Amino acid sequence: MDISETIKELKNRADFADNVGMILIHNGTVRNWSRKDRSKVSALEVAPDYEKIKTLRQEYLQHEGIFDIIIEAFSGTFQPGDDLLYIIVAGDIRENIKPVLSDLLDRVKAEAVIKKEIMAD
């Protein structure tokens, strides 16, 4: 995903200025260490459940003030520094947008993405 291009496309929509005062972006990347014990990670295998992601997106689009949500999740084996997950939430005011991005991100990670760390030798 090209973040700048995606934002440009959002801003080009006729109803953007009437509905959007904030765009929040999550850009998840591969760390070179494990969350559980900070041991060295050489790669990460990722398998998103695209149907679940689609369902979650539809659910969160119903929240007050949300104009649009764009989610791109990548599947495969990735190296530290690689992009894994983009979530863009556009809407009216921060009080409506911030909790949606936070909750949606947590649910996508917990319910719709399976990851397996490949440890460094």
PDB file of N, CA and C in Angstrom:
ATOM      1  N   MET A   1       0.850  -1.178   0.000  1.00  0.00           N
ATOM      2  CA  MET A   1       0.000   0.000   0.000  1.00  0.00           C
ATOM      3  C   MET A   1       0.892   1.235   0.000  1.00  0.00           C
ATOM      4  N   ASP A   2       0.533   2.177  -0.816  1.00  0.00           N
ATOM      5  CA  ASP A   2       1.184   3.476  -0.812  1.00  0.00           C
ATOM      6  C   ASP A   2       0.297   4.399   0.025  1.00  0.00           C
ATOM      7  N   ILE A   3       0.737   4.697   1.253  1.00  0.00           N
ATOM      8  CA  ILE A   3      -0.070   5.489   2.188  1.00  0.00           C
ATOM      9  C   ILE A   3      -0.457   6.830   1.588  1.00  0.00           C
ATOM     10  N   SER A   4       0.498   7.516   0.996  1.00  0.00           N
ATOM     11  CA  SER A   4       0.214   8.839   0.423  1.00  0.00           C
ATOM     12  C   SER A   4      -0.834   8.760  -0.672  1.00  0.00           C
ATOM     13  N   GLU A   5      -0.730   7.756  -1.519  1.00  0.00           N
ATOM     14  CA  GLU A   5      -1.696   7.595  -2.609  1.00  0.00           C
ATOM     15  C   GLU A   5      -3.075   7.242  -2.061  1.00  0.00           C
ATOM     16  N   THR A   6      -3.126   6.391  -1.058  1.00  0.00           N
ATOM     17  CA  THR A   6      -4.400   5.995  -0.465  1.00  0.00           C
ATOM     18  C   THR A   6      -5.081   7.191   0.198  1.00  0.00           C
ATOM     19  N   ILE A   7      -4.332   8.014   0.906  1.00  0.00           N
ATOM     20  CA  ILE A   7      -4.901   9.218   1.517  1.00  0.00           C
ATOM     21  C   ILE A   7      -5.380  10.186   0.440  1.00  0.00           C
ATOM     22  N   LYS A   8      -4.603  10.325  -0.610  1.00  0.00           N
ATOM     23  CA  LYS A   8      -4.993  11.197  -1.725  1.00  0.00           C
ATOM     24  C   LYS A   8      -6.324  10.743  -2.322  1.00  0.00           C
ATOM     25  N   GLU A   9      -6.489   9.419  -2.491  1.00  0.00           N
ATOM     26  CA  GLU A   9      -7.742   8.886  -3.021  1.00  0.00           C
ATOM     27  C   GLU A   9      -8.908   9.175  -2.080  1.00  0.00           C
ATOM     28  N   LEU A  10      -8.687   9.033  -0.766  1.00  0.00           N
ATOM     29  CA  LEU A  10      -9.732   9.370   0.205  1.00  0.00           C
ATOM     30  C   LEU A  10     -10.128  10.837   0.088  1.00  0.00           C
ATOM     31  N   LYS A  11      -9.124  11.703   0.025  1.00  0.00           N
ATOM     32  CA  LYS A  11      -9.376  13.145  -0.035  1.00  0.00           C
ATOM     33  C   LYS A  11     -10.062  13.572  -1.334  1.00  0.00           C
ATOM     34  N   ASN A  12      -9.915  12.796  -2.373  1.00  0.00           N
ATOM     35  CA  ASN A  12     -10.551  13.118  -3.650  1.00  0.00           C
ATOM     36  C   ASN A  12     -12.030  12.754  -3.695  1.00  0.00           C
ATOM     37  N   ARG A  13     -12.517  12.029  -2.703  1.00  0.00           N
ATOM     38  CA  ARG A  13     -13.929  11.680  -2.675  1.00  0.00           C
ATOM     39  C   ARG A  13     -14.753  12.933  -2.386  1.00  0.00           C
ATOM     40  N   ALA A  14     -15.852  13.076  -3.090  1.00  0.00           N
ATOM     41  CA  ALA A  14     -16.673  14.288  -3.016  1.00  0.00           C
ATOM     42  C   ALA A  14     -17.149  14.604  -1.607  1.00  0.00           C
ATOM     43  N   ASP A  15     -17.410  13.599  -0.793  1.00  0.00           N
ATOM     44  CA  ASP A  15     -17.953  13.826   0.547  1.00  0.00           C
ATOM     45  C   ASP A  15     -16.886  13.851   1.647  1.00  0.00           C
ATOM     46  N   PHE A  16     -15.621  13.851   1.259  1.00  0.00           N
ATOM     47  CA  PHE A  16     -14.533  13.811   2.242  1.00  0.00           C
ATOM     48  C   PHE A  16     -14.570  15.023   3.177  1.00  0.00           C
ATOM     49  N   ALA A  17     -14.548  16.233   2.631  1.00  0.00           N
ATOM     50  CA  ALA A  17     -14.442  17.444   3.457  1.00  0.00           C
ATOM     51  C   ALA A  17     -15.637  17.619   4.388  1.00  0.00           C
ATOM     52  N   ASP A  18     -16.770  17.077   4.017  1.00  0.00           N
ATOM     53  CA  ASP A  18     -17.965  17.179   4.863  1.00  0.00           C
ATOM     54  C   ASP A  18     -17.932  16.195   6.034  1.00  0.00           C
ATOM     55  N   ASN A  19     -17.079  15.186   5.971  1.00  0.00           N
ATOM     56  CA  ASN A  19     -17.132  14.091   6.935  1.00  0.00           C
ATOM     57  C   ASN A  19     -15.835  13.773   7.672  1.00  0.00           C
ATOM     58  N   VAL A  20     -14.726  14.343   7.239  1.00  0.00           N
ATOM     59  CA  VAL A  20     -13.446  13.921   7.807  1.00  0.00           C
ATOM     60  C   VAL A  20     -12.683  15.101   8.397  1.00  0.00           C
ATOM     61  N   GLY A  21     -12.293  14.926   9.663  1.00  0.00           N
ATOM     62  CA  GLY A  21     -11.428  15.871  10.342  1.00  0.00           C
ATOM     63  C   GLY A  21     -10.172  15.199  10.862  1.00  0.00           C
ATOM     64  N   MET A  22     -10.097  13.870  10.678  1.00  0.00           N
ATOM     65  CA  MET A  22      -8.928  13.128  11.163  1.00  0.00           C
ATOM     66  C   MET A  22      -8.777  11.824  10.387  1.00  0.00           C
ATOM     67  N   ILE A  23      -7.526  11.503  10.098  1.00  0.00           N
ATOM     68  CA  ILE A  23      -7.167  10.201   9.537  1.00  0.00           C
ATOM     69  C   ILE A  23      -6.081   9.630  10.435  1.00  0.00           C
ATOM     70  N   LEU A  24      -6.326   8.438  10.965  1.00  0.00           N
ATOM     71  CA  LEU A  24      -5.312   7.745  11.758  1.00  0.00           C
ATOM     72  C   LEU A  24      -4.837   6.524  10.991  1.00  0.00           C
ATOM     73  N   ILE A  25      -3.548   6.249  11.116  1.00  0.00           N
ATOM     74  CA  ILE A  25      -2.942   5.155  10.359  1.00  0.00           C
ATOM     75  C   ILE A  25      -2.124   4.265  11.292  1.00  0.00           C
ATOM     76  N   HIS A  26      -2.330   2.972  11.148  1.00  0.00           N
ATOM     77  CA  HIS A  26      -1.461   1.971  11.783  1.00  0.00           C
ATOM     78  C   HIS A  26      -0.660   1.316  10.672  1.00  0.00           C
ATOM     79  N   ASN A  27       0.649   1.274  10.824  1.00  0.00           N
ATOM     80  CA  ASN A  27       1.540   0.586   9.888  1.00  0.00           C
ATOM     81  C   ASN A  27       2.354  -0.424  10.695  1.00  0.00           C
ATOM     82  N   GLY A  28       1.860  -1.659  10.766  1.00  0.00           N
ATOM     83  CA  GLY A  28       2.538  -2.698  11.528  1.00  0.00           C
ATOM     84  C   GLY A  28       3.686  -3.282  10.738  1.00  0.00           C
ATOM     85  N   THR A  29       4.819  -3.444  11.402  1.00  0.00           N
ATOM     86  CA  THR A  29       6.014  -3.998  10.773  1.00  0.00           C
ATOM     87  C   THR A  29       6.559  -5.158  11.607  1.00  0.00           C
ATOM     88  N   VAL A  30       7.439  -5.933  10.998  1.00  0.00           N
ATOM     89  CA  VAL A  30       8.071  -7.064  11.683  1.00  0.00           C
ATOM     90  C   VAL A  30       9.188  -6.534  12.587  1.00  0.00           C
ATOM     91  N   ARG A  31       9.134  -6.915  13.857  1.00  0.00           N
ATOM     92  CA  ARG A  31      10.228  -6.624  14.799  1.00  0.00           C
ATOM     93  C   ARG A  31      11.301  -7.697  14.653  1.00  0.00           C
ATOM     94  N   ASN A  32      12.524  -7.369  15.039  1.00  0.00           N
ATOM     95  CA  ASN A  32      13.578  -8.393  15.014  1.00  0.00           C
ATOM     96  C   ASN A  32      13.753  -9.058  16.374  1.00  0.00           C
ATOM     97  N   TRP A  33      12.749  -8.900  17.246  1.00  0.00           N
ATOM     98  CA  TRP A  33      12.763  -9.542  18.560  1.00  0.00           C
ATOM     99  C   TRP A  33      11.354  -9.973  18.942  1.00  0.00           C
ATOM    100  N   SER A  34      11.299 -11.004  19.773  1.00  0.00           N
ATOM    101  CA  SER A  34      10.032 -11.580  20.208  1.00  0.00           C
ATOM    102  C   SER A  34       9.457 -10.792  21.384  1.00  0.00           C
ATOM    103  N   ARG A  35       8.143 -10.618  21.387  1.00  0.00           N
ATOM    104  CA  ARG A  35       7.472  -9.947  22.508  1.00  0.00           C
ATOM    105  C   ARG A  35       7.631 -10.710  23.810  1.00  0.00           C
ATOM    106  N   LYS A  36       7.617 -12.035  23.731  1.00  0.00           N
ATOM    107  CA  LYS A  36       7.590 -12.819  24.974  1.00  0.00           C
ATOM    108  C   LYS A  36       8.899 -12.791  25.745  1.00  0.00           C
ATOM    109  N   ASP A  37      10.046 -12.780  25.036  1.00  0.00           N
ATOM    110  CA  ASP A  37      11.306 -12.793  25.774  1.00  0.00           C
ATOM    111  C   ASP A  37      12.417 -11.979  25.104  1.00  0.00           C
ATOM    112  N   ARG A  38      12.042 -11.211  24.107  1.00  0.00           N
ATOM    113  CA  ARG A  38      12.966 -10.340  23.370  1.00  0.00           C
ATOM    114  C   ARG A  38      14.099 -11.109  22.672  1.00  0.00           C
ATOM    115  N   SER A  39      13.903 -12.421  22.448  1.00  0.00           N
ATOM    116  CA  SER A  39      14.913 -13.180  21.710  1.00  0.00           C
ATOM    117  C   SER A  39      14.860 -12.778  20.235  1.00  0.00           C
ATOM    118  N   LYS A  40      15.943 -13.021  19.561  1.00  0.00           N
ATOM    119  CA  LYS A  40      16.132 -12.584  18.172  1.00  0.00           C
ATOM    120  C   LYS A  40      15.211 -13.353  17.217  1.00  0.00           C
ATOM    121  N   VAL A  41      14.507 -12.608  16.359  1.00  0.00           N
ATOM    122  CA  VAL A  41      13.619 -13.168  15.347  1.00  0.00           C
ATOM    123  C   VAL A  41      14.231 -12.896  13.975  1.00  0.00           C
ATOM    124  N   SER A  42      14.328 -13.934  13.147  1.00  0.00           N
ATOM    125  CA  SER A  42      14.894 -13.743  11.806  1.00  0.00           C
ATOM    126  C   SER A  42      13.813 -13.561  10.750  1.00  0.00           C
ATOM    127  N   ALA A  43      12.589 -14.060  11.032  1.00  0.00           N
ATOM    128  CA  ALA A  43      11.493 -13.918  10.078  1.00  0.00           C
ATOM    129  C   ALA A  43      10.171 -14.146  10.807  1.00  0.00           C
ATOM    130  N   LEU A  44       9.088 -13.816  10.136  1.00  0.00           N
ATOM    131  CA  LEU A  44       7.755 -13.990  10.700  1.00  0.00           C
ATOM    132  C   LEU A  44       6.835 -14.525   9.611  1.00  0.00           C
ATOM    133  N   GLU A  45       6.161 -15.638   9.913  1.00  0.00           N
ATOM    134  CA  GLU A  45       5.154 -16.190   9.006  1.00  0.00           C
ATOM    135  C   GLU A  45       3.797 -15.650   9.446  1.00  0.00           C
ATOM    136  N   VAL A  46       3.047 -15.120   8.488  1.00  0.00           N
ATOM    137  CA  VAL A  46       1.769 -14.477   8.801  1.00  0.00           C
ATOM    138  C   VAL A  46       0.680 -15.036   7.892  1.00  0.00           C
ATOM    139  N   ALA A  47      -0.473 -15.351   8.511  1.00  0.00           N
ATOM    140  CA  ALA A  47      -1.629 -15.856   7.763  1.00  0.00           C
ATOM    141  C   ALA A  47      -2.881 -15.102   8.225  1.00  0.00           C
ATOM    142  N   PRO A  48      -3.283 -14.063   7.483  1.00  0.00           N
ATOM    143  CA  PRO A  48      -4.495 -13.337   7.843  1.00  0.00           C
ATOM    144  C   PRO A  48      -5.755 -14.097   7.422  1.00  0.00           C
ATOM    145  N   ASP A  49      -6.808 -13.919   8.191  1.00  0.00           N
ATOM    146  CA  ASP A  49      -8.137 -14.418   7.843  1.00  0.00           C
ATOM    147  C   ASP A  49      -8.870 -13.242   7.208  1.00  0.00           C
ATOM    148  N   TYR A  50      -8.851 -13.181   5.885  1.00  0.00           N
ATOM    149  CA  TYR A  50      -9.386 -12.024   5.171  1.00  0.00           C
ATOM    150  C   TYR A  50     -10.892 -11.854   5.351  1.00  0.00           C
ATOM    151  N   GLU A  51     -11.617 -12.944   5.478  1.00  0.00           N
ATOM    152  CA  GLU A  51     -13.064 -12.841   5.706  1.00  0.00           C
ATOM    153  C   GLU A  51     -13.356 -12.227   7.066  1.00  0.00           C
ATOM    154  N   LYS A  52     -12.609 -12.628   8.086  1.00  0.00           N
ATOM    155  CA  LYS A  52     -12.791 -12.056   9.422  1.00  0.00           C
ATOM    156  C   LYS A  52     -12.432 -10.574   9.419  1.00  0.00           C
ATOM    157  N   ILE A  53     -11.368 -10.225   8.718  1.00  0.00           N
ATOM    158  CA  ILE A  53     -10.972  -8.815   8.610  1.00  0.00           C
ATOM    159  C   ILE A  53     -12.078  -8.005   7.943  1.00  0.00           C
ATOM    160  N   LYS A  54     -12.656  -8.564   6.895  1.00  0.00           N
ATOM    161  CA  LYS A  54     -13.756  -7.883   6.204  1.00  0.00           C
ATOM    162  C   LYS A  54     -14.951  -7.690   7.147  1.00  0.00           C
ATOM    163  N   THR A  55     -15.271  -8.714   7.929  1.00  0.00           N
ATOM    164  CA  THR A  55     -16.383  -8.635   8.879  1.00  0.00           C
ATOM    165  C   THR A  55     -16.116  -7.576   9.946  1.00  0.00           C
ATOM    166  N   LEU A  56     -14.899  -7.558  10.474  1.00  0.00           N
ATOM    167  CA  LEU A  56     -14.547  -6.550  11.473  1.00  0.00           C
ATOM    168  C   LEU A  56     -14.626  -5.146  10.893  1.00  0.00           C
ATOM    169  N   ARG A  57     -14.141  -4.976   9.680  1.00  0.00           N
ATOM    170  CA  ARG A  57     -14.219  -3.657   9.026  1.00  0.00           C
ATOM    171  C   ARG A  57     -15.667  -3.198   8.934  1.00  0.00           C
ATOM    172  N   GLN A  58     -16.542  -4.084   8.486  1.00  0.00           N
ATOM    173  CA  GLN A  58     -17.957  -3.723   8.365  1.00  0.00           C
ATOM    174  C   GLN A  58     -18.551  -3.339   9.718  1.00  0.00           C
ATOM    175  N   GLU A  59     -18.177  -4.063  10.753  1.00  0.00           N
ATOM    176  CA  GLU A  59     -18.678  -3.753  12.097  1.00  0.00           C
ATOM    177  C   GLU A  59     -18.245  -2.353  12.541  1.00  0.00           C
ATOM    178  N   TYR A  60     -16.977  -2.030  12.350  1.00  0.00           N
ATOM    179  CA  TYR A  60     -16.458  -0.751  12.829  1.00  0.00           C
ATOM    180  C   TYR A  60     -16.861   0.422  11.937  1.00  0.00           C
ATOM    181  N   LEU A  61     -17.212   0.159  10.689  1.00  0.00           N
ATOM    182  CA  LEU A  61     -17.740   1.228   9.829  1.00  0.00           C
ATOM    183  C   LEU A  61     -19.051   1.786  10.369  1.00  0.00           C
ATOM    184  N   GLN A  62     -19.738   1.019  11.201  1.00  0.00           N
ATOM    185  CA  GLN A  62     -21.024   1.442  11.757  1.00  0.00           C
ATOM    186  C   GLN A  62     -20.871   2.397  12.946  1.00  0.00           C
ATOM    187  N   HIS A  63     -19.662   2.547  13.463  1.00  0.00           N
ATOM    188  CA  HIS A  63     -19.454   3.413  14.618  1.00  0.00           C
ATOM    189  C   HIS A  63     -19.661   4.879  14.248  1.00  0.00           C
ATOM    190  N   GLU A  64     -20.113   5.639  15.222  1.00  0.00           N
ATOM    191  CA  GLU A  64     -20.388   7.059  15.020  1.00  0.00           C
ATOM    192  C   GLU A  64     -19.161   7.792  14.499  1.00  0.00           C
ATOM    193  N   GLY A  65     -19.374   8.608  13.466  1.00  0.00           N
ATOM    194  CA  GLY A  65     -18.334   9.478  12.945  1.00  0.00           C
ATOM    195  C   GLY A  65     -17.351   8.850  11.984  1.00  0.00           C
ATOM    196  N   ILE A  66     -17.487   7.563  11.712  1.00  0.00           N
ATOM    197  CA  ILE A  66     -16.521   6.893  10.832  1.00  0.00           C
ATOM    198  C   ILE A  66     -16.917   7.088   9.373  1.00  0.00           C
ATOM    199  N   PHE A  67     -15.991   7.619   8.601  1.00  0.00           N
ATOM    200  CA  PHE A  67     -16.191   7.855   7.173  1.00  0.00           C
ATOM    201  C   PHE A  67     -15.786   6.631   6.359  1.00  0.00           C
ATOM    202  N   ASP A  68     -14.595   6.101   6.636  1.00  0.00           N
ATOM    203  CA  ASP A  68     -14.141   4.909   5.924  1.00  0.00           C
ATOM    204  C   ASP A  68     -13.017   4.251   6.709  1.00  0.00           C
ATOM    205  N   ILE A  69     -12.860   2.964   6.464  1.00  0.00           N
ATOM    206  CA  ILE A  69     -11.769   2.175   7.048  1.00  0.00           C
ATOM    207  C   ILE A  69     -11.155   1.365   5.908  1.00  0.00           C
ATOM    208  N   ILE A  70      -9.851   1.435   5.819  1.00  0.00           N
ATOM    209  CA  ILE A  70      -9.117   0.676   4.809  1.00  0.00           C
ATOM    210  C   ILE A  70      -8.142  -0.229   5.557  1.00  0.00           C
ATOM    211  N   ILE A  71      -8.181  -1.512   5.233  1.00  0.00           N
ATOM    212  CA  ILE A  71      -7.293  -2.477   5.876  1.00  0.00           C
ATOM    213  C   ILE A  71      -6.581  -3.277   4.793  1.00  0.00           C
ATOM    214  N   GLU A  72      -5.269  -3.377   4.917  1.00  0.00           N
ATOM    215  CA  GLU A  72      -4.492  -4.246   4.037  1.00  0.00           C
ATOM    216  C   GLU A  72      -3.587  -5.094   4.908  1.00  0.00           C
ATOM    217  N   ALA A  73      -3.804  -6.393   4.866  1.00  0.00           N
ATOM    218  CA  ALA A  73      -3.002  -7.342   5.644  1.00  0.00           C
ATOM    219  C   ALA A  73      -2.265  -8.257   4.669  1.00  0.00           C
ATOM    220  N   PHE A  74      -1.000  -8.458   4.911  1.00  0.00           N
ATOM    221  CA  PHE A  74      -0.177  -9.259   4.022  1.00  0.00           C
ATOM    222  C   PHE A  74      -0.014 -10.675   4.563  1.00  0.00           C
ATOM    223  N   SER A  75       0.108 -11.616   3.644  1.00  0.00           N
ATOM    224  CA  SER A  75       0.273 -13.026   3.963  1.00  0.00           C
ATOM    225  C   SER A  75       1.614 -13.502   3.436  1.00  0.00           C
ATOM    226  N   GLY A  76       2.277 -14.364   4.225  1.00  0.00           N
ATOM    227  CA  GLY A  76       3.533 -14.929   3.764  1.00  0.00           C
ATOM    228  C   GLY A  76       4.583 -14.892   4.840  1.00  0.00           C
ATOM    229  N   THR A  77       5.846 -14.961   4.402  1.00  0.00           N
ATOM    230  CA  THR A  77       6.991 -14.915   5.303  1.00  0.00           C
ATOM    231  C   THR A  77       7.704 -13.590   5.095  1.00  0.00           C
ATOM    232  N   PHE A  78       7.952 -12.901   6.217  1.00  0.00           N
ATOM    233  CA  PHE A  78       8.485 -11.546   6.158  1.00  0.00           C
ATOM    234  C   PHE A  78       9.730 -11.405   7.029  1.00  0.00           C
ATOM    235  N   GLN A  79      10.556 -10.453   6.664  1.00  0.00           N
ATOM    236  CA  GLN A  79      11.795 -10.165   7.373  1.00  0.00           C
ATOM    237  C   GLN A  79      11.588  -8.956   8.293  1.00  0.00           C
ATOM    238  N   PRO A  80      12.428  -8.825   9.342  1.00  0.00           N
ATOM    239  CA  PRO A  80      12.333  -7.640  10.189  1.00  0.00           C
ATOM    240  C   PRO A  80      12.366  -6.357   9.349  1.00  0.00           C
ATOM    241  N   GLY A  81      11.456  -5.457   9.691  1.00  0.00           N
ATOM    242  CA  GLY A  81      11.334  -4.199   8.956  1.00  0.00           C
ATOM    243  C   GLY A  81      10.259  -4.215   7.883  1.00  0.00           C
ATOM    244  N   ASP A  82       9.837  -5.400   7.444  1.00  0.00           N
ATOM    245  CA  ASP A  82       8.798  -5.493   6.409  1.00  0.00           C
ATOM    246  C   ASP A  82       7.446  -5.048   6.962  1.00  0.00           C
ATOM    247  N   ASP A  83       6.638  -4.464   6.100  1.00  0.00           N
ATOM    248  CA  ASP A  83       5.272  -4.092   6.452  1.00  0.00           C
ATOM    249  C   ASP A  83       4.390  -5.330   6.493  1.00  0.00           C
ATOM    250  N   LEU A  84       3.500  -5.383   7.490  1.00  0.00           N
ATOM    251  CA  LEU A  84       2.586  -6.514   7.665  1.00  0.00           C
ATOM    252  C   LEU A  84       1.123  -6.125   7.568  1.00  0.00           C
ATOM    253  N   LEU A  85       0.786  -4.967   8.135  1.00  0.00           N
ATOM    254  CA  LEU A  85      -0.615  -4.609   8.301  1.00  0.00           C
ATOM    255  C   LEU A  85      -0.771  -3.101   8.268  1.00  0.00           C
ATOM    256  N   TYR A  86      -1.677  -2.653   7.408  1.00  0.00           N
ATOM    257  CA  TYR A  86      -2.068  -1.246   7.382  1.00  0.00           C
ATOM    258  C   TYR A  86      -3.533  -1.162   7.777  1.00  0.00           C
ATOM    259  N   ILE A  87      -3.834  -0.231   8.656  1.00  0.00           N
ATOM    260  CA  ILE A  87      -5.220   0.111   8.964  1.00  0.00           C
ATOM    261  C   ILE A  87      -5.327   1.628   8.908  1.00  0.00           C
ATOM    262  N   ILE A  88      -6.247   2.122   8.107  1.00  0.00           N
ATOM    263  CA  ILE A  88      -6.505   3.558   8.012  1.00  0.00           C
ATOM    264  C   ILE A  88      -7.947   3.784   8.432  1.00  0.00           C
ATOM    265  N   VAL A  89      -8.129   4.687   9.400  1.00  0.00           N
ATOM    266  CA  VAL A  89      -9.470   5.050   9.850  1.00  0.00           C
ATOM    267  C   VAL A  89      -9.640   6.542   9.632  1.00  0.00           C
ATOM    268  N   ALA A  90     -10.641   6.908   8.848  1.00  0.00           N
ATOM    269  CA  ALA A  90     -10.948   8.314   8.582  1.00  0.00           C
ATOM    270  C   ALA A  90     -12.329   8.620   9.152  1.00  0.00           C
ATOM    271  N   GLY A  91     -12.420   9.787   9.793  1.00  0.00           N
ATOM    272  CA  GLY A  91     -13.710  10.158  10.365  1.00  0.00           C
ATOM    273  C   GLY A  91     -13.735  11.583  10.854  1.00  0.00           C
ATOM    274  N   ASP A  92     -14.778  11.887  11.614  1.00  0.00           N
ATOM    275  CA  ASP A  92     -15.058  13.271  11.961  1.00  0.00           C
ATOM    276  C   ASP A  92     -14.143  13.874  13.030  1.00  0.00           C
ATOM    277  N   ILE A  93     -14.132  13.312  14.238  1.00  0.00           N
ATOM    278  CA  ILE A  93     -13.370  13.900  15.341  1.00  0.00           C
ATOM    279  C   ILE A  93     -12.576  12.813  16.081  1.00  0.00           C
ATOM    280  N   ARG A  94     -11.523  13.233  16.758  1.00  0.00           N
ATOM    281  CA  ARG A  94     -10.619  12.272  17.396  1.00  0.00           C
ATOM    282  C   ARG A  94     -11.307  11.390  18.426  1.00  0.00           C
ATOM    283  N   GLU A  95     -12.301  11.945  19.140  1.00  0.00           N
ATOM    284  CA  GLU A  95     -12.986  11.139  20.150  1.00  0.00           C
ATOM    285  C   GLU A  95     -13.708   9.939  19.535  1.00  0.00           C
ATOM    286  N   ASN A  96     -14.066  10.028  18.275  1.00  0.00           N
ATOM    287  CA  ASN A  96     -14.693   8.911  17.565  1.00  0.00           C
ATOM    288  C   ASN A  96     -13.671   8.026  16.859  1.00  0.00           C
ATOM    289  N   ILE A  97     -12.595   8.612  16.395  1.00  0.00           N
ATOM    290  CA  ILE A  97     -11.636   7.890  15.546  1.00  0.00           C
ATOM    291  C   ILE A  97     -10.631   7.080  16.358  1.00  0.00           C
ATOM    292  N   LYS A  98     -10.061   7.670  17.394  1.00  0.00           N
ATOM    293  CA  LYS A  98      -9.015   6.994  18.173  1.00  0.00           C
ATOM    294  C   LYS A  98      -9.464   5.649  18.742  1.00  0.00           C
ATOM    295  N   PRO A  99     -10.626   5.578  19.396  1.00  0.00           N
ATOM    296  CA  PRO A  99     -11.012   4.272  19.941  1.00  0.00           C
ATOM    297  C   PRO A  99     -11.302   3.231  18.865  1.00  0.00           C
ATOM    298  N   VAL A 100     -11.790   3.663  17.719  1.00  0.00           N
ATOM    299  CA  VAL A 100     -12.066   2.717  16.632  1.00  0.00           C
ATOM    300  C   VAL A 100     -10.769   2.108  16.130  1.00  0.00           C
ATOM    301  N   LEU A 101      -9.761   2.925  15.886  1.00  0.00           N
ATOM    302  CA  LEU A 101      -8.487   2.373  15.423  1.00  0.00           C
ATOM    303  C   LEU A 101      -7.905   1.430  16.480  1.00  0.00           C
ATOM    304  N   SER A 102      -7.911   1.850  17.721  1.00  0.00           N
ATOM    305  CA  SER A 102      -7.341   1.031  18.797  1.00  0.00           C
ATOM    306  C   SER A 102      -8.070  -0.306  18.933  1.00  0.00           C
ATOM    307  N   ASP A 103      -9.383  -0.264  19.030  1.00  0.00           N
ATOM    308  CA  ASP A 103     -10.166  -1.490  19.200  1.00  0.00           C
ATOM    309  C   ASP A 103     -10.073  -2.392  17.976  1.00  0.00           C
ATOM    310  N   LEU A 104     -10.186  -1.803  16.800  1.00  0.00           N
ATOM    311  CA  LEU A 104     -10.122  -2.584  15.567  1.00  0.00           C
ATOM    312  C   LEU A 104      -8.760  -3.257  15.424  1.00  0.00           C
ATOM    313  N   LEU A 105      -7.696  -2.537  15.691  1.00  0.00           N
ATOM    314  CA  LEU A 105      -6.355  -3.110  15.618  1.00  0.00           C
ATOM    315  C   LEU A 105      -6.224  -4.296  16.568  1.00  0.00           C
ATOM    316  N   ASP A 106      -6.663  -4.115  17.805  1.00  0.00           N
ATOM    317  CA  ASP A 106      -6.566  -5.210  18.779  1.00  0.00           C
ATOM    318  C   ASP A 106      -7.358  -6.433  18.334  1.00  0.00           C
ATOM    319  N   ARG A 107      -8.518  -6.212  17.773  1.00  0.00           N
ATOM    320  CA  ARG A 107      -9.346  -7.341  17.349  1.00  0.00           C
ATOM    321  C   ARG A 107      -8.781  -8.025  16.105  1.00  0.00           C
ATOM    322  N   VAL A 108      -8.292  -7.259  15.148  1.00  0.00           N
ATOM    323  CA  VAL A 108      -7.678  -7.858  13.955  1.00  0.00           C
ATOM    324  C   VAL A 108      -6.510  -8.740  14.389  1.00  0.00           C
ATOM    325  N   LYS A 109      -5.655  -8.206  15.262  1.00  0.00           N
ATOM    326  CA  LYS A 109      -4.488  -8.965  15.709  1.00  0.00           C
ATOM    327  C   LYS A 109      -4.891 -10.215  16.495  1.00  0.00           C
ATOM    328  N   ALA A 110      -5.928 -10.114  17.322  1.00  0.00           N
ATOM    329  CA  ALA A 110      -6.340 -11.236  18.172  1.00  0.00           C
ATOM    330  C   ALA A 110      -7.200 -12.256  17.441  1.00  0.00           C
ATOM    331  N   GLU A 111      -8.032 -11.805  16.518  1.00  0.00           N
ATOM    332  CA  GLU A 111      -9.043 -12.672  15.920  1.00  0.00           C
ATOM    333  C   GLU A 111      -8.795 -13.041  14.458  1.00  0.00           C
ATOM    334  N   ALA A 112      -7.935 -12.291  13.765  1.00  0.00           N
ATOM    335  CA  ALA A 112      -7.865 -12.482  12.318  1.00  0.00           C
ATOM    336  C   ALA A 112      -6.452 -12.653  11.762  1.00  0.00           C
ATOM    337  N   VAL A 113      -5.461 -12.753  12.622  1.00  0.00           N
ATOM    338  CA  VAL A 113      -4.095 -12.914  12.120  1.00  0.00           C
ATOM    339  C   VAL A 113      -3.383 -13.986  12.956  1.00  0.00           C
ATOM    340  N   ILE A 114      -2.812 -14.946  12.258  1.00  0.00           N
ATOM    341  CA  ILE A 114      -1.994 -15.972  12.900  1.00  0.00           C
ATOM    342  C   ILE A 114      -0.551 -15.698  12.508  1.00  0.00           C
ATOM    343  N   LYS A 115       0.321 -15.637  13.520  1.00  0.00           N
ATOM    344  CA  LYS A 115       1.736 -15.363  13.279  1.00  0.00           C
ATOM    345  C   LYS A 115       2.593 -16.442  13.913  1.00  0.00           C
ATOM    346  N   LYS A 116       3.695 -16.754  13.236  1.00  0.00           N
ATOM    347  CA  LYS A 116       4.676 -17.700  13.786  1.00  0.00           C
ATOM    348  C   LYS A 116       6.061 -17.082  13.607  1.00  0.00           C
ATOM    349  N   GLU A 117       6.722 -16.875  14.727  1.00  0.00           N
ATOM    350  CA  GLU A 117       8.074 -16.328  14.685  1.00  0.00           C
ATOM    351  C   GLU A 117       9.072 -17.406  14.319  1.00  0.00           C
ATOM    352  N   ILE A 118      10.004 -17.047  13.468  1.00  0.00           N
ATOM    353  CA  ILE A 118      11.119 -17.919  13.118  1.00  0.00           C
ATOM    354  C   ILE A 118      12.335 -17.324  13.828  1.00  0.00           C
ATOM    355  N   MET A 119      12.853 -18.080  14.769  1.00  0.00           N
ATOM    356  CA  MET A 119      13.907 -17.562  15.631  1.00  0.00           C
ATOM    357  C   MET A 119      15.268 -17.644  14.935  1.00  0.00           C
ATOM    358  N   ALA A 120      16.120 -16.679  15.251  1.00  0.00           N
ATOM    359  CA  ALA A 120      17.474 -16.669  14.716  1.00  0.00           C
ATOM    360  C   ALA A 120      18.289 -17.769  15.399  1.00  0.00           C
ATOM    361  N   ASP A 121      19.234 -18.299  14.687  1.00  0.00           N
ATOM    362  CA  ASP A 121      20.090 -19.361  15.257  1.00  0.00           C
ATOM    363  C   ASP A 121      21.073 -18.823  16.255  1.00  0.00           C
TER     364      ASP A 121
END
